[in-house]
Amino acid sequence: MPNLAGKTALVTGATSGIGLAAARALANEGAHVLLVGRRQDALDQAVATIGAAQATSVRADVTAPADLDRLAAIIEASGRPLDVVFANAGINEFATLGALTWEHHRRIFDTNVGGVIFAVQAALPFLRDGASIILCGSNADVKSAPGASVYAASKAAIRSLGRTWAAELLDRKIRVNVVAPGLTETPGLAYLFAGSDSALSDLTATVPIKRRARAEEIGAVVAFLASDASSYMTGSEVYVDGGVSQF
């Protein structure tokens, strides 16, 4: 039997990159996956790649309270309790200290922190006891990168949230863990370094394994944290970054 047979998972930021790879990995382990994203066309394509029998979609922006209320109503109406939540939606933009603006700060923190807080909160009433919550962090929470101070701070906040929620949810046996990717081949990474191939190559050269991760490699760790194979893990952060955070 697949590890997640008969279970239901919710994935935010599920239309591309790590979110889509994780959704596929969860579906491959037998879960029915609820995909959450902002664009219906991208959601339709994501559902098609996984298969309508194992995936459904909800168009929602995790920074919009009304969208999250609607998401909660859809989960409730489905009659399917949630066994897994992967809070993945996030953005990154570069700006050095002298160029930081309130708008840059709000955009990143509203999505990377507020979107995680309130998406998980919306899902919480529908989580079974013993469920698994996985937050998408980053090795940026322990590694410096010029121009990424606000992004790194947002991911450090995710690490803190994971620890606190793990403690808060012990009575329901709900486990909360953080997956912390490093450089990963995603559309977001390509956009971030558009026109800066040499900078991306130089950064990749600092990875001990000497390559970037495939999104599927991160998705496999999400599936592990979602399953009973990680049943003795909560409050943990798992770095999946080719050794960058460890050297």
Protein backbone atom coordinates (compact mmCIF):
# COMPACT_ATOMS: atom_id res chain seq x y z
CA MET A 1 0.00 0.00 0.00
CA PRO A 2 1.26 3.52 -0.73
CA ASN A 3 2.19 5.47 2.41
CA LEU A 4 -0.68 7.97 2.06
CA ALA A 5 -3.43 5.78 0.64
CA GLY A 6 -6.86 7.15 1.52
CA LYS A 7 -5.50 10.42 2.89
CA THR A 8 -6.18 13.99 1.82
CA ALA A 9 -3.50 16.65 1.43
CA LEU A 10 -3.66 20.39 0.83
CA VAL A 11 -0.80 22.15 -0.97
CA THR A 12 -0.54 25.92 -1.41
CA GLY A 13 1.49 27.41 -4.22
CA ALA A 14 0.80 24.15 -6.01
CA THR A 15 0.89 25.16 -9.67
CA SER A 16 4.64 24.98 -10.33
CA GLY A 17 8.05 24.27 -8.88
CA ILE A 18 8.31 22.72 -5.43
CA GLY A 19 4.57 22.94 -4.77
CA LEU A 20 3.64 21.00 -7.89
CA ALA A 21 6.44 18.48 -7.36
CA ALA A 22 5.26 17.92 -3.80
CA ALA A 23 1.66 17.54 -4.92
CA ARG A 24 2.75 14.89 -7.42
CA ALA A 25 4.79 13.08 -4.78
CA LEU A 26 1.86 13.07 -2.36
CA ALA A 27 -0.48 11.80 -5.08
CA ASN A 28 2.03 9.09 -6.01
CA GLU A 29 1.88 7.94 -2.39
CA GLY A 30 -1.89 7.59 -2.67
CA ALA A 31 -3.17 10.90 -1.31
CA HIS A 32 -5.94 12.95 -2.86
CA VAL A 33 -4.41 16.41 -3.21
CA LEU A 34 -6.20 19.75 -3.03
CA LEU A 35 -4.15 22.20 -5.08
CA VAL A 36 -4.31 25.88 -4.14
CA GLY A 37 -3.02 28.64 -6.40
CA ARG A 38 -3.86 32.07 -7.77
CA ARG A 39 -4.31 31.27 -11.48
CA GLN A 40 -7.07 28.94 -12.68
CA ASP A 41 -5.31 28.11 -15.95
CA ALA A 42 -2.20 26.98 -14.08
CA LEU A 43 -4.34 25.03 -11.62
CA ASP A 44 -6.15 23.26 -14.46
CA GLN A 45 -2.83 22.27 -15.98
CA ALA A 46 -1.50 21.03 -12.64
CA VAL A 47 -4.60 18.90 -12.07
CA ALA A 48 -4.21 17.46 -15.57
CA THR A 49 -0.60 16.43 -14.89
CA ILE A 50 -1.57 14.62 -11.68
CA GLY A 51 -4.95 13.28 -12.78
CA ALA A 52 -8.43 14.42 -11.84
CA ALA A 53 -8.99 11.25 -9.81
CA GLN A 54 -6.27 12.29 -7.37
CA ALA A 55 -6.30 16.08 -7.53
CA THR A 56 -8.78 18.92 -7.31
CA SER A 57 -8.10 22.63 -7.28
CA VAL A 58 -9.20 25.80 -5.54
CA ARG A 59 -8.24 29.20 -6.89
CA ALA A 60 -7.20 31.25 -3.88
CA ASP A 61 -4.65 33.88 -2.93
CA VAL A 62 -3.24 33.04 0.50
CA THR A 63 -2.86 36.76 1.25
CA ALA A 64 -6.59 37.42 0.70
CA PRO A 65 -8.77 36.71 3.78
CA ALA A 66 -11.92 36.27 1.68
CA ASP A 67 -10.18 33.64 -0.46
CA LEU A 68 -9.07 31.74 2.63
CA ASP A 69 -12.61 31.85 4.03
CA ARG A 70 -13.84 30.40 0.74
CA LEU A 71 -11.13 27.73 0.85
CA ALA A 72 -12.24 26.73 4.34
CA ALA A 73 -15.85 26.53 3.19
CA ILE A 74 -14.87 24.31 0.26
CA ILE A 75 -12.91 21.96 2.52
CA GLU A 76 -15.82 21.74 4.93
CA ALA A 77 -18.32 21.10 2.13
CA SER A 78 -16.14 18.33 0.69
CA GLY A 79 -16.57 16.25 3.83
CA ARG A 80 -12.92 15.18 3.58
CA PRO A 81 -10.84 15.85 6.70
CA LEU A 82 -7.26 16.85 5.97
CA ASP A 83 -4.34 14.60 6.82
CA VAL A 84 -1.56 16.75 5.37
CA VAL A 85 -0.98 20.46 4.80
CA PHE A 86 2.04 21.69 2.85
CA ALA A 87 2.21 25.49 3.19
CA ASN A 88 4.46 26.28 0.27
CA ALA A 89 3.34 29.53 -1.36
CA GLY A 90 6.15 32.07 -1.28
CA ILE A 91 8.04 34.70 -3.25
CA ASN A 92 11.54 36.16 -3.38
CA GLU A 93 12.90 39.42 -4.70
CA PHE A 94 16.38 40.89 -4.32
CA ALA A 95 16.98 44.27 -2.67
CA THR A 96 20.04 45.41 -0.74
CA LEU A 97 19.70 47.37 2.50
CA GLY A 98 19.87 50.80 0.91
CA ALA A 99 17.20 49.89 -1.64
CA LEU A 100 14.67 48.29 0.73
CA THR A 101 11.17 49.72 0.72
CA TRP A 102 8.08 49.18 2.79
CA GLU A 103 6.40 47.72 -0.29
CA HIS A 104 9.19 45.15 -0.75
CA HIS A 105 8.91 44.19 2.92
CA ARG A 106 5.12 43.93 2.86
CA ARG A 107 5.02 41.93 -0.36
CA ILE A 108 7.43 39.28 0.94
CA PHE A 109 6.19 39.09 4.52
CA ASP A 110 2.50 39.16 3.53
CA THR A 111 3.04 36.10 1.31
CA ASN A 112 5.83 34.16 2.99
CA VAL A 113 4.72 34.68 6.58
CA GLY A 114 1.14 35.97 6.62
CA GLY A 115 0.09 33.61 3.84
CA VAL A 116 1.51 30.63 5.75
CA ILE A 117 -0.03 31.67 9.06
CA PHE A 118 -3.51 32.20 7.76
CA ALA A 119 -3.56 29.33 5.25
CA VAL A 120 -2.64 26.90 8.03
CA GLN A 121 -5.15 28.56 10.33
CA ALA A 122 -7.89 28.15 7.71
CA ALA A 123 -7.06 24.45 7.37
CA LEU A 124 -6.65 23.75 11.10
CA PRO A 125 -10.31 23.00 11.99
CA PHE A 126 -10.37 20.32 9.29
CA LEU A 127 -7.15 18.53 10.24
CA ARG A 128 -7.47 15.07 11.70
CA ASP A 129 -5.73 14.41 14.98
CA GLY A 130 -2.35 12.94 14.07
CA ALA A 131 -2.10 14.95 10.85
CA SER A 132 1.11 16.41 9.43
CA ILE A 133 1.78 20.08 8.70
CA ILE A 134 4.84 20.87 6.59
CA LEU A 135 6.07 24.43 6.13
CA CYS A 136 8.34 25.45 3.28
CA GLY A 137 11.33 27.26 4.70
CA SER A 138 14.73 27.83 3.11
CA ASN A 139 18.39 27.40 3.94
CA ALA A 140 18.45 31.21 3.67
CA ASP A 141 17.41 31.19 7.34
CA VAL A 142 20.99 30.24 8.27
CA LYS A 143 23.03 31.39 5.24
CA SER A 144 23.72 34.98 4.23
CA ALA A 145 23.03 36.13 0.67
CA PRO A 146 23.46 39.78 -0.31
CA GLY A 147 20.16 41.26 -1.43
CA ALA A 148 18.04 38.61 0.27
CA SER A 149 17.76 40.01 3.79
CA VAL A 150 13.97 40.37 3.89
CA TYR A 151 13.42 37.00 2.22
CA ALA A 152 15.84 35.33 4.66
CA ALA A 153 14.09 36.99 7.59
CA SER A 154 10.74 35.70 6.34
CA LYS A 155 12.09 32.15 6.21
CA ALA A 156 13.61 32.49 9.68
CA ALA A 157 10.09 33.41 10.80
CA ILE A 158 8.80 30.20 9.22
CA ARG A 159 11.33 28.20 11.25
CA SER A 160 10.09 29.89 14.41
CA LEU A 161 6.44 29.27 13.53
CA GLY A 162 7.18 25.59 12.98
CA ARG A 163 8.68 25.19 16.44
CA THR A 164 5.86 27.01 18.20
CA TRP A 165 3.03 25.31 16.34
CA ALA A 166 4.61 21.91 16.97
CA ALA A 167 4.38 22.65 20.70
CA GLU A 168 0.86 24.05 20.46
CA LEU A 169 -0.53 21.04 18.59
CA LEU A 170 0.99 18.24 20.67
CA ASP A 171 -2.34 17.53 22.33
CA ARG A 172 -3.84 16.69 18.93
CA LYS A 173 -0.77 14.66 17.91
CA ILE A 174 -0.41 16.94 14.88
CA ARG A 175 3.21 17.07 13.77
CA VAL A 176 4.71 20.29 12.36
CA ASN A 177 7.99 20.23 10.48
CA VAL A 178 9.86 22.55 8.11
CA VAL A 179 11.51 21.55 4.85
CA ALA A 180 14.33 23.94 3.97
CA PRO A 181 15.40 23.75 0.31
CA GLY A 182 18.46 25.36 -1.17
CA LEU A 183 18.91 26.28 -4.83
CA THR A 184 16.20 24.39 -6.69
CA GLU A 185 15.37 24.30 -10.39
CA THR A 186 12.00 26.07 -10.46
CA PRO A 187 10.36 28.75 -12.59
CA GLY A 188 10.75 31.09 -9.63
CA LEU A 189 14.52 30.62 -9.55
CA ALA A 190 14.74 31.17 -13.29
CA TYR A 191 12.75 34.40 -12.94
CA LEU A 192 14.83 35.61 -10.01
CA PHE A 193 18.09 35.18 -11.92
CA ALA A 194 16.80 36.17 -15.37
CA GLY A 195 19.67 37.80 -17.22
CA SER A 196 22.15 36.80 -14.50
CA ASP A 197 23.27 33.35 -15.62
CA SER A 198 26.81 33.93 -14.38
CA ALA A 199 25.56 34.88 -10.90
CA LEU A 200 23.46 31.72 -10.72
CA SER A 201 26.38 29.61 -11.92
CA ASP A 202 28.67 31.16 -9.32
CA LEU A 203 26.11 30.48 -6.59
CA THR A 204 25.64 26.89 -7.76
CA ALA A 205 29.41 26.38 -7.55
CA THR A 206 29.21 27.00 -3.79
CA VAL A 207 26.95 23.95 -3.34
CA PRO A 208 29.01 21.01 -2.05
CA ILE A 209 27.15 18.60 -4.37
CA LYS A 210 27.89 21.03 -7.25
CA ARG A 211 24.42 21.20 -8.69
CA ARG A 212 20.98 22.60 -8.04
CA ALA A 213 18.19 20.42 -6.67
CA ARG A 214 15.40 19.10 -8.82
CA ALA A 215 11.99 20.08 -7.50
CA GLU A 216 11.15 16.37 -7.29
CA GLU A 217 13.93 15.90 -4.74
CA ILE A 218 12.25 18.41 -2.44
CA GLY A 219 8.84 16.87 -3.14
CA ALA A 220 10.13 13.48 -2.01
CA VAL A 221 11.12 14.93 1.38
CA VAL A 222 7.69 16.55 1.72
CA ALA A 223 6.08 13.16 1.09
CA PHE A 224 8.34 11.62 3.74
CA LEU A 225 7.37 14.28 6.30
CA ALA A 226 3.71 13.74 5.42
CA SER A 227 3.90 10.00 6.05
CA ASP A 228 4.16 7.76 9.10
CA ALA A 229 7.79 7.15 8.12
CA SER A 230 8.51 10.44 9.94
CA SER A 231 6.16 9.71 12.85
CA TYR A 232 8.79 10.56 15.49
CA MET A 233 9.58 13.96 14.00
CA THR A 234 7.98 17.24 15.04
CA GLY A 235 9.39 20.73 15.38
CA SER A 236 12.22 19.72 13.05
CA GLU A 237 13.79 21.54 10.13
CA VAL A 238 15.12 19.36 7.31
CA TYR A 239 17.69 20.99 5.04
CA VAL A 240 17.56 19.74 1.46
CA ASP A 241 20.27 21.92 -0.02
CA GLY A 242 23.16 19.76 -1.20
CA GLY A 243 25.06 20.38 2.02
CA VAL A 244 25.19 24.18 1.85
CA SER A 245 23.86 24.69 5.38
CA GLN A 246 26.18 22.06 6.85
CA PHE A 247 29.60 23.12 5.56
